[in-house]
């Protein structure tokens, strides 16, 4: 299992639409793309424009295939609303959330 951590900067006036767009996008990817396990979103308490979305994938190869085949274009509408600052890949060691 891996996690992909996306860091976004989203202007306050675009935040609500960004959240709705992210919900539709992440649910579509989860339903349609092999290896996609869904994701969650968090917002910085000290900087409300700083948003992180953390996606869970079965394997790095699944995410790379999704990315390299251009399927990430499903995320274009999110890019219209916020600036993606970074993308980081993490190997999941353990998860005790429900």
PDB file of N, CA and C in Angstrom:
ATOM      1  N   UNK A   1       0.851  -1.172   0.000  1.00  0.00           N
ATOM      2  CA  UNK A   1       0.000   0.000   0.000  1.00  0.00           C
ATOM      3  C   UNK A   1       0.899   1.238   0.000  1.00  0.00           C
ATOM      4  N   UNK A   2       0.474   2.239  -0.751  1.00  0.00           N
ATOM      5  CA  UNK A   2       1.183   3.515  -0.735  1.00  0.00           C
ATOM      6  C   UNK A   2       0.187   4.636  -0.514  1.00  0.00           C
ATOM      7  N   UNK A   3       0.716   5.771  -0.119  1.00  0.00           N
ATOM      8  CA  UNK A   3      -0.070   7.002   0.007  1.00  0.00           C
ATOM      9  C   UNK A   3       0.585   8.062  -0.855  1.00  0.00           C
ATOM     10  N   UNK A   4      -0.234   8.803  -1.567  1.00  0.00           N
ATOM     11  CA  UNK A   4       0.240   9.943  -2.347  1.00  0.00           C
ATOM     12  C   UNK A   4      -0.272  11.186  -1.651  1.00  0.00           C
ATOM     13  N   UNK A   5       0.649  12.054  -1.256  1.00  0.00           N
ATOM     14  CA  UNK A   5       0.288  13.274  -0.546  1.00  0.00           C
ATOM     15  C   UNK A   5       0.415  14.459  -1.501  1.00  0.00           C
ATOM     16  N   UNK A   6      -0.723  15.073  -1.788  1.00  0.00           N
ATOM     17  CA  UNK A   6      -0.765  16.263  -2.638  1.00  0.00           C
ATOM     18  C   UNK A   6      -0.943  17.478  -1.736  1.00  0.00           C
ATOM     19  N   UNK A   7      -0.120  18.493  -1.940  1.00  0.00           N
ATOM     20  CA  UNK A   7      -0.260  19.752  -1.194  1.00  0.00           C
ATOM     21  C   UNK A   7      -0.825  20.783  -2.163  1.00  0.00           C
ATOM     22  N   UNK A   8      -1.911  21.425  -1.756  1.00  0.00           N
ATOM     23  CA  UNK A   8      -2.599  22.423  -2.578  1.00  0.00           C
ATOM     24  C   UNK A   8      -2.659  23.759  -1.847  1.00  0.00           C
ATOM     25  N   UNK A   9      -2.595  24.842  -2.594  1.00  0.00           N
ATOM     26  CA  UNK A   9      -2.934  26.166  -2.088  1.00  0.00           C
ATOM     27  C   UNK A   9      -4.240  26.567  -2.760  1.00  0.00           C
ATOM     28  N   UNK A  10      -5.243  26.852  -1.943  1.00  0.00           N
ATOM     29  CA  UNK A  10      -6.569  27.169  -2.466  1.00  0.00           C
ATOM     30  C   UNK A  10      -7.053  28.477  -1.845  1.00  0.00           C
ATOM     31  N   UNK A  11      -7.384  29.430  -2.695  1.00  0.00           N
ATOM     32  CA  UNK A  11      -7.894  30.721  -2.217  1.00  0.00           C
ATOM     33  C   UNK A  11      -9.209  30.501  -1.471  1.00  0.00           C
ATOM     34  N   UNK A  12      -9.431  31.254  -0.384  1.00  0.00           N
ATOM     35  CA  UNK A  12     -10.638  31.057   0.425  1.00  0.00           C
ATOM     36  C   UNK A  12     -11.939  31.104  -0.386  1.00  0.00           C
ATOM     37  N   UNK A  13     -12.009  31.977  -1.364  1.00  0.00           N
ATOM     38  CA  UNK A  13     -13.249  32.109  -2.141  1.00  0.00           C
ATOM     39  C   UNK A  13     -13.480  30.923  -3.091  1.00  0.00           C
ATOM     40  N   UNK A  14     -12.465  30.087  -3.296  1.00  0.00           N
ATOM     41  CA  UNK A  14     -12.594  28.918  -4.166  1.00  0.00           C
ATOM     42  C   UNK A  14     -12.656  27.608  -3.391  1.00  0.00           C
ATOM     43  N   UNK A  15     -12.516  27.693  -2.069  1.00  0.00           N
ATOM     44  CA  UNK A  15     -12.393  26.485  -1.259  1.00  0.00           C
ATOM     45  C   UNK A  15     -13.615  25.576  -1.348  1.00  0.00           C
ATOM     46  N   UNK A  16     -14.801  26.123  -1.219  1.00  0.00           N
ATOM     47  CA  UNK A  16     -16.009  25.287  -1.231  1.00  0.00           C
ATOM     48  C   UNK A  16     -16.138  24.531  -2.556  1.00  0.00           C
ATOM     49  N   UNK A  17     -15.913  25.210  -3.666  1.00  0.00           N
ATOM     50  CA  UNK A  17     -15.991  24.559  -4.971  1.00  0.00           C
ATOM     51  C   UNK A  17     -14.860  23.551  -5.150  1.00  0.00           C
ATOM     52  N   UNK A  18     -13.674  23.872  -4.620  1.00  0.00           N
ATOM     53  CA  UNK A  18     -12.553  22.935  -4.676  1.00  0.00           C
ATOM     54  C   UNK A  18     -12.911  21.641  -3.945  1.00  0.00           C
ATOM     55  N   UNK A  19     -13.498  21.752  -2.771  1.00  0.00           N
ATOM     56  CA  UNK A  19     -13.872  20.574  -1.981  1.00  0.00           C
ATOM     57  C   UNK A  19     -14.892  19.724  -2.741  1.00  0.00           C
ATOM     58  N   UNK A  20     -15.916  20.353  -3.300  1.00  0.00           N
ATOM     59  CA  UNK A  20     -16.933  19.612  -4.055  1.00  0.00           C
ATOM     60  C   UNK A  20     -16.326  18.934  -5.285  1.00  0.00           C
ATOM     61  N   UNK A  21     -15.441  19.637  -5.966  1.00  0.00           N
ATOM     62  CA  UNK A  21     -14.777  19.084  -7.145  1.00  0.00           C
ATOM     63  C   UNK A  21     -13.893  17.907  -6.750  1.00  0.00           C
ATOM     64  N   UNK A  22     -13.159  18.053  -5.648  1.00  0.00           N
ATOM     65  CA  UNK A  22     -12.312  16.963  -5.157  1.00  0.00           C
ATOM     66  C   UNK A  22     -13.154  15.734  -4.821  1.00  0.00           C
ATOM     67  N   UNK A  23     -14.295  15.929  -4.167  1.00  0.00           N
ATOM     68  CA  UNK A  23     -15.162  14.796  -3.814  1.00  0.00           C
ATOM     69  C   UNK A  23     -15.572  14.010  -5.063  1.00  0.00           C
ATOM     70  N   UNK A  24     -16.050  14.714  -6.077  1.00  0.00           N
ATOM     71  CA  UNK A  24     -16.466  14.046  -7.314  1.00  0.00           C
ATOM     72  C   UNK A  24     -15.280  13.337  -7.979  1.00  0.00           C
ATOM     73  N   UNK A  25     -14.152  14.037  -8.041  1.00  0.00           N
ATOM     74  CA  UNK A  25     -12.979  13.501  -8.720  1.00  0.00           C
ATOM     75  C   UNK A  25     -12.439  12.271  -8.015  1.00  0.00           C
ATOM     76  N   UNK A  26     -12.249  12.353  -6.713  1.00  0.00           N
ATOM     77  CA  UNK A  26     -11.657  11.222  -5.982  1.00  0.00           C
ATOM     78  C   UNK A  26     -12.593  10.018  -5.987  1.00  0.00           C
ATOM     79  N   UNK A  27     -13.900  10.252  -5.908  1.00  0.00           N
ATOM     80  CA  UNK A  27     -14.842   9.127  -5.946  1.00  0.00           C
ATOM     81  C   UNK A  27     -14.858   8.461  -7.318  1.00  0.00           C
ATOM     82  N   UNK A  28     -14.753   9.259  -8.375  1.00  0.00           N
ATOM     83  CA  UNK A  28     -14.715   8.701  -9.729  1.00  0.00           C
ATOM     84  C   UNK A  28     -13.447   7.861  -9.914  1.00  0.00           C
ATOM     85  N   UNK A  29     -12.304   8.387  -9.499  1.00  0.00           N
ATOM     86  CA  UNK A  29     -11.050   7.649  -9.618  1.00  0.00           C
ATOM     87  C   UNK A  29     -11.124   6.354  -8.821  1.00  0.00           C
ATOM     88  N   UNK A  30     -11.646   6.434  -7.603  1.00  0.00           N
ATOM     89  CA  UNK A  30     -11.757   5.251  -6.742  1.00  0.00           C
ATOM     90  C   UNK A  30     -12.600   4.169  -7.401  1.00  0.00           C
ATOM     91  N   UNK A  31     -13.687   4.575  -8.056  1.00  0.00           N
ATOM     92  CA  UNK A  31     -14.590   3.606  -8.681  1.00  0.00           C
ATOM     93  C   UNK A  31     -14.048   3.049  -9.989  1.00  0.00           C
ATOM     94  N   UNK A  32     -13.280   3.838 -10.730  1.00  0.00           N
ATOM     95  CA  UNK A  32     -12.941   3.464 -12.105  1.00  0.00           C
ATOM     96  C   UNK A  32     -11.497   3.021 -12.337  1.00  0.00           C
ATOM     97  N   UNK A  33     -10.588   3.317 -11.411  1.00  0.00           N
ATOM     98  CA  UNK A  33      -9.167   3.074 -11.683  1.00  0.00           C
ATOM     99  C   UNK A  33      -8.647   1.933 -10.806  1.00  0.00           C
ATOM    100  N   UNK A  34      -8.022   0.951 -11.471  1.00  0.00           N
ATOM    101  CA  UNK A  34      -7.457  -0.199 -10.757  1.00  0.00           C
ATOM    102  C   UNK A  34      -6.414   0.271  -9.745  1.00  0.00           C
ATOM    103  N   UNK A  35      -6.542  -0.214  -8.524  1.00  0.00           N
ATOM    104  CA  UNK A  35      -5.575   0.078  -7.474  1.00  0.00           C
ATOM    105  C   UNK A  35      -5.876   1.312  -6.648  1.00  0.00           C
ATOM    106  N   UNK A  36      -6.800   2.151  -7.100  1.00  0.00           N
ATOM    107  CA  UNK A  36      -7.150   3.366  -6.345  1.00  0.00           C
ATOM    108  C   UNK A  36      -8.053   2.988  -5.184  1.00  0.00           C
ATOM    109  N   UNK A  37      -7.676   3.390  -3.977  1.00  0.00           N
ATOM    110  CA  UNK A  37      -8.411   2.993  -2.770  1.00  0.00           C
ATOM    111  C   UNK A  37      -9.152   4.156  -2.115  1.00  0.00           C
ATOM    112  N   UNK A  38      -9.142   5.322  -2.749  1.00  0.00           N
ATOM    113  CA  UNK A  38      -9.811   6.485  -2.182  1.00  0.00           C
ATOM    114  C   UNK A  38      -8.812   7.432  -1.554  1.00  0.00           C
ATOM    115  N   UNK A  39      -9.331   8.511  -0.994  1.00  0.00           N
ATOM    116  CA  UNK A  39      -8.447   9.491  -0.377  1.00  0.00           C
ATOM    117  C   UNK A  39      -9.207  10.310   0.652  1.00  0.00           C
ATOM    118  N   UNK A  40      -8.460  11.115   1.387  1.00  0.00           N
ATOM    119  CA  UNK A  40      -9.084  12.048   2.320  1.00  0.00           C
ATOM    120  C   UNK A  40      -8.396  13.392   2.216  1.00  0.00           C
ATOM    121  N   UNK A  41      -9.051  14.413   2.757  1.00  0.00           N
ATOM    122  CA  UNK A  41      -8.568  15.793   2.670  1.00  0.00           C
ATOM    123  C   UNK A  41      -8.451  16.375   4.070  1.00  0.00           C
ATOM    124  N   UNK A  42      -7.376  17.142   4.288  1.00  0.00           N
ATOM    125  CA  UNK A  42      -7.195  17.875   5.536  1.00  0.00           C
ATOM    126  C   UNK A  42      -6.829  19.319   5.206  1.00  0.00           C
ATOM    127  N   UNK A  43      -7.149  20.198   6.153  1.00  0.00           N
ATOM    128  CA  UNK A  43      -6.869  21.628   6.000  1.00  0.00           C
ATOM    129  C   UNK A  43      -6.043  22.094   7.184  1.00  0.00           C
ATOM    130  N   UNK A  44      -5.037  22.910   6.895  1.00  0.00           N
ATOM    131  CA  UNK A  44      -4.178  23.442   7.951  1.00  0.00           C
ATOM    132  C   UNK A  44      -4.984  24.355   8.871  1.00  0.00           C
ATOM    133  N   UNK A  45      -4.788  24.192  10.160  1.00  0.00           N
ATOM    134  CA  UNK A  45      -5.443  25.056  11.141  1.00  0.00           C
ATOM    135  C   UNK A  45      -4.832  26.449  11.143  1.00  0.00           C
ATOM    136  N   UNK A  46      -3.530  26.529  10.905  1.00  0.00           N
ATOM    137  CA  UNK A  46      -2.854  27.829  10.949  1.00  0.00           C
ATOM    138  C   UNK A  46      -2.899  28.575   9.610  1.00  0.00           C
ATOM    139  N   UNK A  47      -3.138  27.865   8.509  1.00  0.00           N
ATOM    140  CA  UNK A  47      -3.211  28.477   7.183  1.00  0.00           C
ATOM    141  C   UNK A  47      -4.328  27.794   6.393  1.00  0.00           C
ATOM    142  N   UNK A  48      -5.544  28.335   6.453  1.00  0.00           N
ATOM    143  CA  UNK A  48      -6.695  27.686   5.820  1.00  0.00           C
ATOM    144  C   UNK A  48      -6.578  27.516   4.303  1.00  0.00           C
ATOM    145  N   UNK A  49      -5.621  28.184   3.672  1.00  0.00           N
ATOM    146  CA  UNK A  49      -5.429  28.002   2.229  1.00  0.00           C
ATOM    147  C   UNK A  49      -4.594  26.761   1.926  1.00  0.00           C
ATOM    148  N   UNK A  50      -3.966  26.181   2.947  1.00  0.00           N
ATOM    149  CA  UNK A  50      -3.123  24.992   2.770  1.00  0.00           C
ATOM    150  C   UNK A  50      -3.973  23.732   2.942  1.00  0.00           C
ATOM    151  N   UNK A  51      -4.136  23.019   1.852  1.00  0.00           N
ATOM    152  CA  UNK A  51      -4.948  21.806   1.821  1.00  0.00           C
ATOM    153  C   UNK A  51      -4.047  20.634   1.436  1.00  0.00           C
ATOM    154  N   UNK A  52      -4.254  19.503   2.078  1.00  0.00           N
ATOM    155  CA  UNK A  52      -3.558  18.278   1.701  1.00  0.00           C
ATOM    156  C   UNK A  52      -4.619  17.237   1.353  1.00  0.00           C
ATOM    157  N   UNK A  53      -4.401  16.540   0.244  1.00  0.00           N
ATOM    158  CA  UNK A  53      -5.231  15.395  -0.091  1.00  0.00           C
ATOM    159  C   UNK A  53      -4.304  14.189  -0.095  1.00  0.00           C
ATOM    160  N   UNK A  54      -4.731  13.145   0.578  1.00  0.00           N
ATOM    161  CA  UNK A  54      -3.901  11.961   0.746  1.00  0.00           C
ATOM    162  C   UNK A  54      -4.641  10.780   0.129  1.00  0.00           C
ATOM    163  N   UNK A  55      -4.088  10.277  -0.972  1.00  0.00           N
ATOM    164  CA  UNK A  55      -4.703   9.170  -1.702  1.00  0.00           C
ATOM    165  C   UNK A  55      -4.024   7.860  -1.312  1.00  0.00           C
ATOM    166  N   UNK A  56      -4.808   6.802  -1.286  1.00  0.00           N
ATOM    167  CA  UNK A  56      -4.280   5.472  -0.965  1.00  0.00           C
ATOM    168  C   UNK A  56      -4.373   4.608  -2.215  1.00  0.00           C
ATOM    169  N   UNK A  57      -3.278   3.939  -2.531  1.00  0.00           N
ATOM    170  CA  UNK A  57      -3.195   3.075  -3.705  1.00  0.00           C
ATOM    171  C   UNK A  57      -2.662   1.706  -3.289  1.00  0.00           C
ATOM    172  N   UNK A  58      -3.090   0.681  -4.005  1.00  0.00           N
ATOM    173  CA  UNK A  58      -2.597  -0.670  -3.723  1.00  0.00           C
ATOM    174  C   UNK A  58      -1.088  -0.765  -3.917  1.00  0.00           C
ATOM    175  N   UNK A  59      -0.588  -0.130  -4.998  1.00  0.00           N
ATOM    176  CA  UNK A  59       0.841  -0.240  -5.315  1.00  0.00           C
ATOM    177  C   UNK A  59       1.304   0.983  -6.093  1.00  0.00           C
ATOM    178  N   UNK A  60       2.573   1.284  -5.980  1.00  0.00           N
ATOM    179  CA  UNK A  60       3.151   2.410  -6.708  1.00  0.00           C
ATOM    180  C   UNK A  60       2.953   2.238  -8.210  1.00  0.00           C
ATOM    181  N   UNK A  61       3.058   1.022  -8.704  1.00  0.00           N
ATOM    182  CA  UNK A  61       2.853   0.776 -10.136  1.00  0.00           C
ATOM    183  C   UNK A  61       1.450   1.164 -10.588  1.00  0.00           C
ATOM    184  N   UNK A  62       0.439   0.926  -9.738  1.00  0.00           N
ATOM    185  CA  UNK A  62      -0.937   1.313 -10.083  1.00  0.00           C
ATOM    186  C   UNK A  62      -1.042   2.826 -10.243  1.00  0.00           C
ATOM    187  N   UNK A  63      -0.468   3.569  -9.297  1.00  0.00           N
ATOM    188  CA  UNK A  63      -0.522   5.029  -9.361  1.00  0.00           C
ATOM    189  C   UNK A  63       0.266   5.545 -10.561  1.00  0.00           C
ATOM    190  N   UNK A  64       1.452   4.975 -10.795  1.00  0.00           N
ATOM    191  CA  UNK A  64       2.260   5.408 -11.939  1.00  0.00           C
ATOM    192  C   UNK A  64       1.528   5.160 -13.255  1.00  0.00           C
ATOM    193  N   UNK A  65       0.860   4.020 -13.367  1.00  0.00           N
ATOM    194  CA  UNK A  65       0.097   3.727 -14.578  1.00  0.00           C
ATOM    195  C   UNK A  65      -1.018   4.752 -14.750  1.00  0.00           C
ATOM    196  N   UNK A  66      -1.746   5.038 -13.686  1.00  0.00           N
ATOM    197  CA  UNK A  66      -2.797   6.059 -13.704  1.00  0.00           C
ATOM    198  C   UNK A  66      -2.217   7.387 -14.176  1.00  0.00           C
ATOM    199  N   UNK A  67      -1.092   7.767 -13.608  1.00  0.00           N
ATOM    200  CA  UNK A  67      -0.475   9.058 -13.924  1.00  0.00           C
ATOM    201  C   UNK A  67       0.078   9.090 -15.338  1.00  0.00           C
ATOM    202  N   UNK A  68       0.830   8.044 -15.713  1.00  0.00           N
ATOM    203  CA  UNK A  68       1.505   8.025 -17.011  1.00  0.00           C
ATOM    204  C   UNK A  68       0.557   7.860 -18.191  1.00  0.00           C
ATOM    205  N   UNK A  69      -0.593   7.250 -17.974  1.00  0.00           N
ATOM    206  CA  UNK A  69      -1.557   7.067 -19.061  1.00  0.00           C
ATOM    207  C   UNK A  69      -2.444   8.286 -19.250  1.00  0.00           C
ATOM    208  N   UNK A  70      -2.185   9.347 -18.495  1.00  0.00           N
ATOM    209  CA  UNK A  70      -2.942  10.579 -18.668  1.00  0.00           C
ATOM    210  C   UNK A  70      -4.260  10.626 -17.934  1.00  0.00           C
ATOM    211  N   UNK A  71      -4.549   9.615 -17.120  1.00  0.00           N
ATOM    212  CA  UNK A  71      -5.802   9.609 -16.379  1.00  0.00           C
ATOM    213  C   UNK A  71      -5.871  10.717 -15.342  1.00  0.00           C
ATOM    214  N   UNK A  72      -4.713  11.247 -14.971  1.00  0.00           N
ATOM    215  CA  UNK A  72      -4.708  12.335 -14.003  1.00  0.00           C
ATOM    216  C   UNK A  72      -5.394  13.578 -14.570  1.00  0.00           C
ATOM    217  N   UNK A  73      -5.686  13.573 -15.873  1.00  0.00           N
ATOM    218  CA  UNK A  73      -6.408  14.700 -16.463  1.00  0.00           C
ATOM    219  C   UNK A  73      -7.773  14.872 -15.801  1.00  0.00           C
ATOM    220  N   UNK A  74      -8.251  13.822 -15.124  1.00  0.00           N
ATOM    221  CA  UNK A  74      -9.500  13.938 -14.360  1.00  0.00           C
ATOM    222  C   UNK A  74      -9.361  14.991 -13.260  1.00  0.00           C
ATOM    223  N   UNK A  75      -8.117  15.318 -12.910  1.00  0.00           N
ATOM    224  CA  UNK A  75      -7.869  16.279 -11.838  1.00  0.00           C
ATOM    225  C   UNK A  75      -7.754  17.720 -12.356  1.00  0.00           C
ATOM    226  N   UNK A  76      -7.939  17.928 -13.666  1.00  0.00           N
ATOM    227  CA  UNK A  76      -7.763  19.261 -14.256  1.00  0.00           C
ATOM    228  C   UNK A  76      -8.653  20.296 -13.573  1.00  0.00           C
ATOM    229  N   UNK A  77      -9.890  19.940 -13.307  1.00  0.00           N
ATOM    230  CA  UNK A  77     -10.805  20.911 -12.693  1.00  0.00           C
ATOM    231  C   UNK A  77     -10.332  21.330 -11.304  1.00  0.00           C
ATOM    232  N   UNK A  78      -9.609  20.453 -10.616  1.00  0.00           N
ATOM    233  CA  UNK A  78      -9.040  20.834  -9.321  1.00  0.00           C
ATOM    234  C   UNK A  78      -7.926  21.849  -9.527  1.00  0.00           C
ATOM    235  N   UNK A  79      -7.145  21.676 -10.591  1.00  0.00           N
ATOM    236  CA  UNK A  79      -6.057  22.613 -10.897  1.00  0.00           C
ATOM    237  C   UNK A  79      -6.597  23.988 -11.282  1.00  0.00           C
ATOM    238  N   UNK A  80      -7.816  24.020 -11.804  1.00  0.00           N
ATOM    239  CA  UNK A  80      -8.444  25.303 -12.140  1.00  0.00           C
ATOM    240  C   UNK A  80      -8.806  26.089 -10.887  1.00  0.00           C
ATOM    241  N   UNK A  81      -8.948  25.395  -9.765  1.00  0.00           N
ATOM    242  CA  UNK A  81      -9.405  26.027  -8.521  1.00  0.00           C
ATOM    243  C   UNK A  81      -8.303  26.219  -7.487  1.00  0.00           C
ATOM    244  N   UNK A  82      -7.247  25.457  -7.599  1.00  0.00           N
ATOM    245  CA  UNK A  82      -6.156  25.548  -6.628  1.00  0.00           C
ATOM    246  C   UNK A  82      -4.831  25.252  -7.290  1.00  0.00           C
ATOM    247  N   UNK A  83      -3.766  25.652  -6.629  1.00  0.00           N
ATOM    248  CA  UNK A  83      -2.430  25.383  -7.137  1.00  0.00           C
ATOM    249  C   UNK A  83      -1.863  24.162  -6.433  1.00  0.00           C
ATOM    250  N   UNK A  84      -1.508  23.139  -7.212  1.00  0.00           N
ATOM    251  CA  UNK A  84      -0.858  21.970  -6.611  1.00  0.00           C
ATOM    252  C   UNK A  84       0.600  22.329  -6.390  1.00  0.00           C
ATOM    253  N   UNK A  85       1.006  22.366  -5.127  1.00  0.00           N
ATOM    254  CA  UNK A  85       2.350  22.785  -4.749  1.00  0.00           C
ATOM    255  C   UNK A  85       3.334  21.627  -4.843  1.00  0.00           C
ATOM    256  N   UNK A  86       2.906  20.435  -4.427  1.00  0.00           N
ATOM    257  CA  UNK A  86       3.814  19.294  -4.443  1.00  0.00           C
ATOM    258  C   UNK A  86       3.036  17.983  -4.441  1.00  0.00           C
ATOM    259  N   UNK A  87       3.756  16.920  -4.830  1.00  0.00           N
ATOM    260  CA  UNK A  87       3.243  15.555  -4.783  1.00  0.00           C
ATOM    261  C   UNK A  87       4.351  14.703  -4.189  1.00  0.00           C
ATOM    262  N   UNK A  88       4.022  13.928  -3.153  1.00  0.00           N
ATOM    263  CA  UNK A  88       5.003  13.052  -2.521  1.00  0.00           C
ATOM    264  C   UNK A  88       4.432  11.652  -2.399  1.00  0.00           C
ATOM    265  N   UNK A  89       5.286  10.662  -2.538  1.00  0.00           N
ATOM    266  CA  UNK A  89       4.891   9.260  -2.426  1.00  0.00           C
ATOM    267  C   UNK A  89       5.440   8.707  -1.117  1.00  0.00           C
ATOM    268  N   UNK A  90       4.574   8.027  -0.362  1.00  0.00           N
ATOM    269  CA  UNK A  90       4.960   7.410   0.896  1.00  0.00           C
ATOM    270  C   UNK A  90       4.540   5.945   0.898  1.00  0.00           C
ATOM    271  N   UNK A  91       5.394   5.085   1.372  1.00  0.00           N
ATOM    272  CA  UNK A  91       5.054   3.687   1.586  1.00  0.00           C
ATOM    273  C   UNK A  91       4.276   3.599   2.897  1.00  0.00           C
ATOM    274  N   UNK A  92       3.132   2.955   2.854  1.00  0.00           N
ATOM    275  CA  UNK A  92       2.344   2.800   4.064  1.00  0.00           C
ATOM    276  C   UNK A  92       2.920   1.680   4.909  1.00  0.00           C
ATOM    277  N   UNK A  93       3.216   1.987   6.152  1.00  0.00           N
ATOM    278  CA  UNK A  93       3.784   1.000   7.051  1.00  0.00           C
ATOM    279  C   UNK A  93       2.663   0.326   7.850  1.00  0.00           C
ATOM    280  N   UNK A  94       1.736   1.121   8.332  1.00  0.00           N
ATOM    281  CA  UNK A  94       0.628   0.582   9.096  1.00  0.00           C
ATOM    282  C   UNK A  94      -0.479   1.620   9.142  1.00  0.00           C
ATOM    283  N   UNK A  95      -1.702   1.172   9.437  1.00  0.00           N
ATOM    284  CA  UNK A  95      -2.839   2.093   9.508  1.00  0.00           C
ATOM    285  C   UNK A  95      -3.834   1.521  10.504  1.00  0.00           C
ATOM    286  N   UNK A  96      -4.060   2.242  11.572  1.00  0.00           N
ATOM    287  CA  UNK A  96      -5.009   1.808  12.583  1.00  0.00           C
ATOM    288  C   UNK A  96      -6.274   2.658  12.583  1.00  0.00           C
ATOM    289  N   UNK A  97      -6.496   3.413  11.469  1.00  0.00           N
ATOM    290  CA  UNK A  97      -7.753   4.162  11.362  1.00  0.00           C
ATOM    291  C   UNK A  97      -8.830   3.234  10.864  1.00  0.00           C
ATOM    292  N   UNK A  98     -10.075   3.611  11.108  1.00  0.00           N
ATOM    293  CA  UNK A  98     -11.174   2.756  10.643  1.00  0.00           C
ATOM    294  C   UNK A  98     -11.881   3.379   9.483  1.00  0.00           C
TER     295      UNK A  98
END
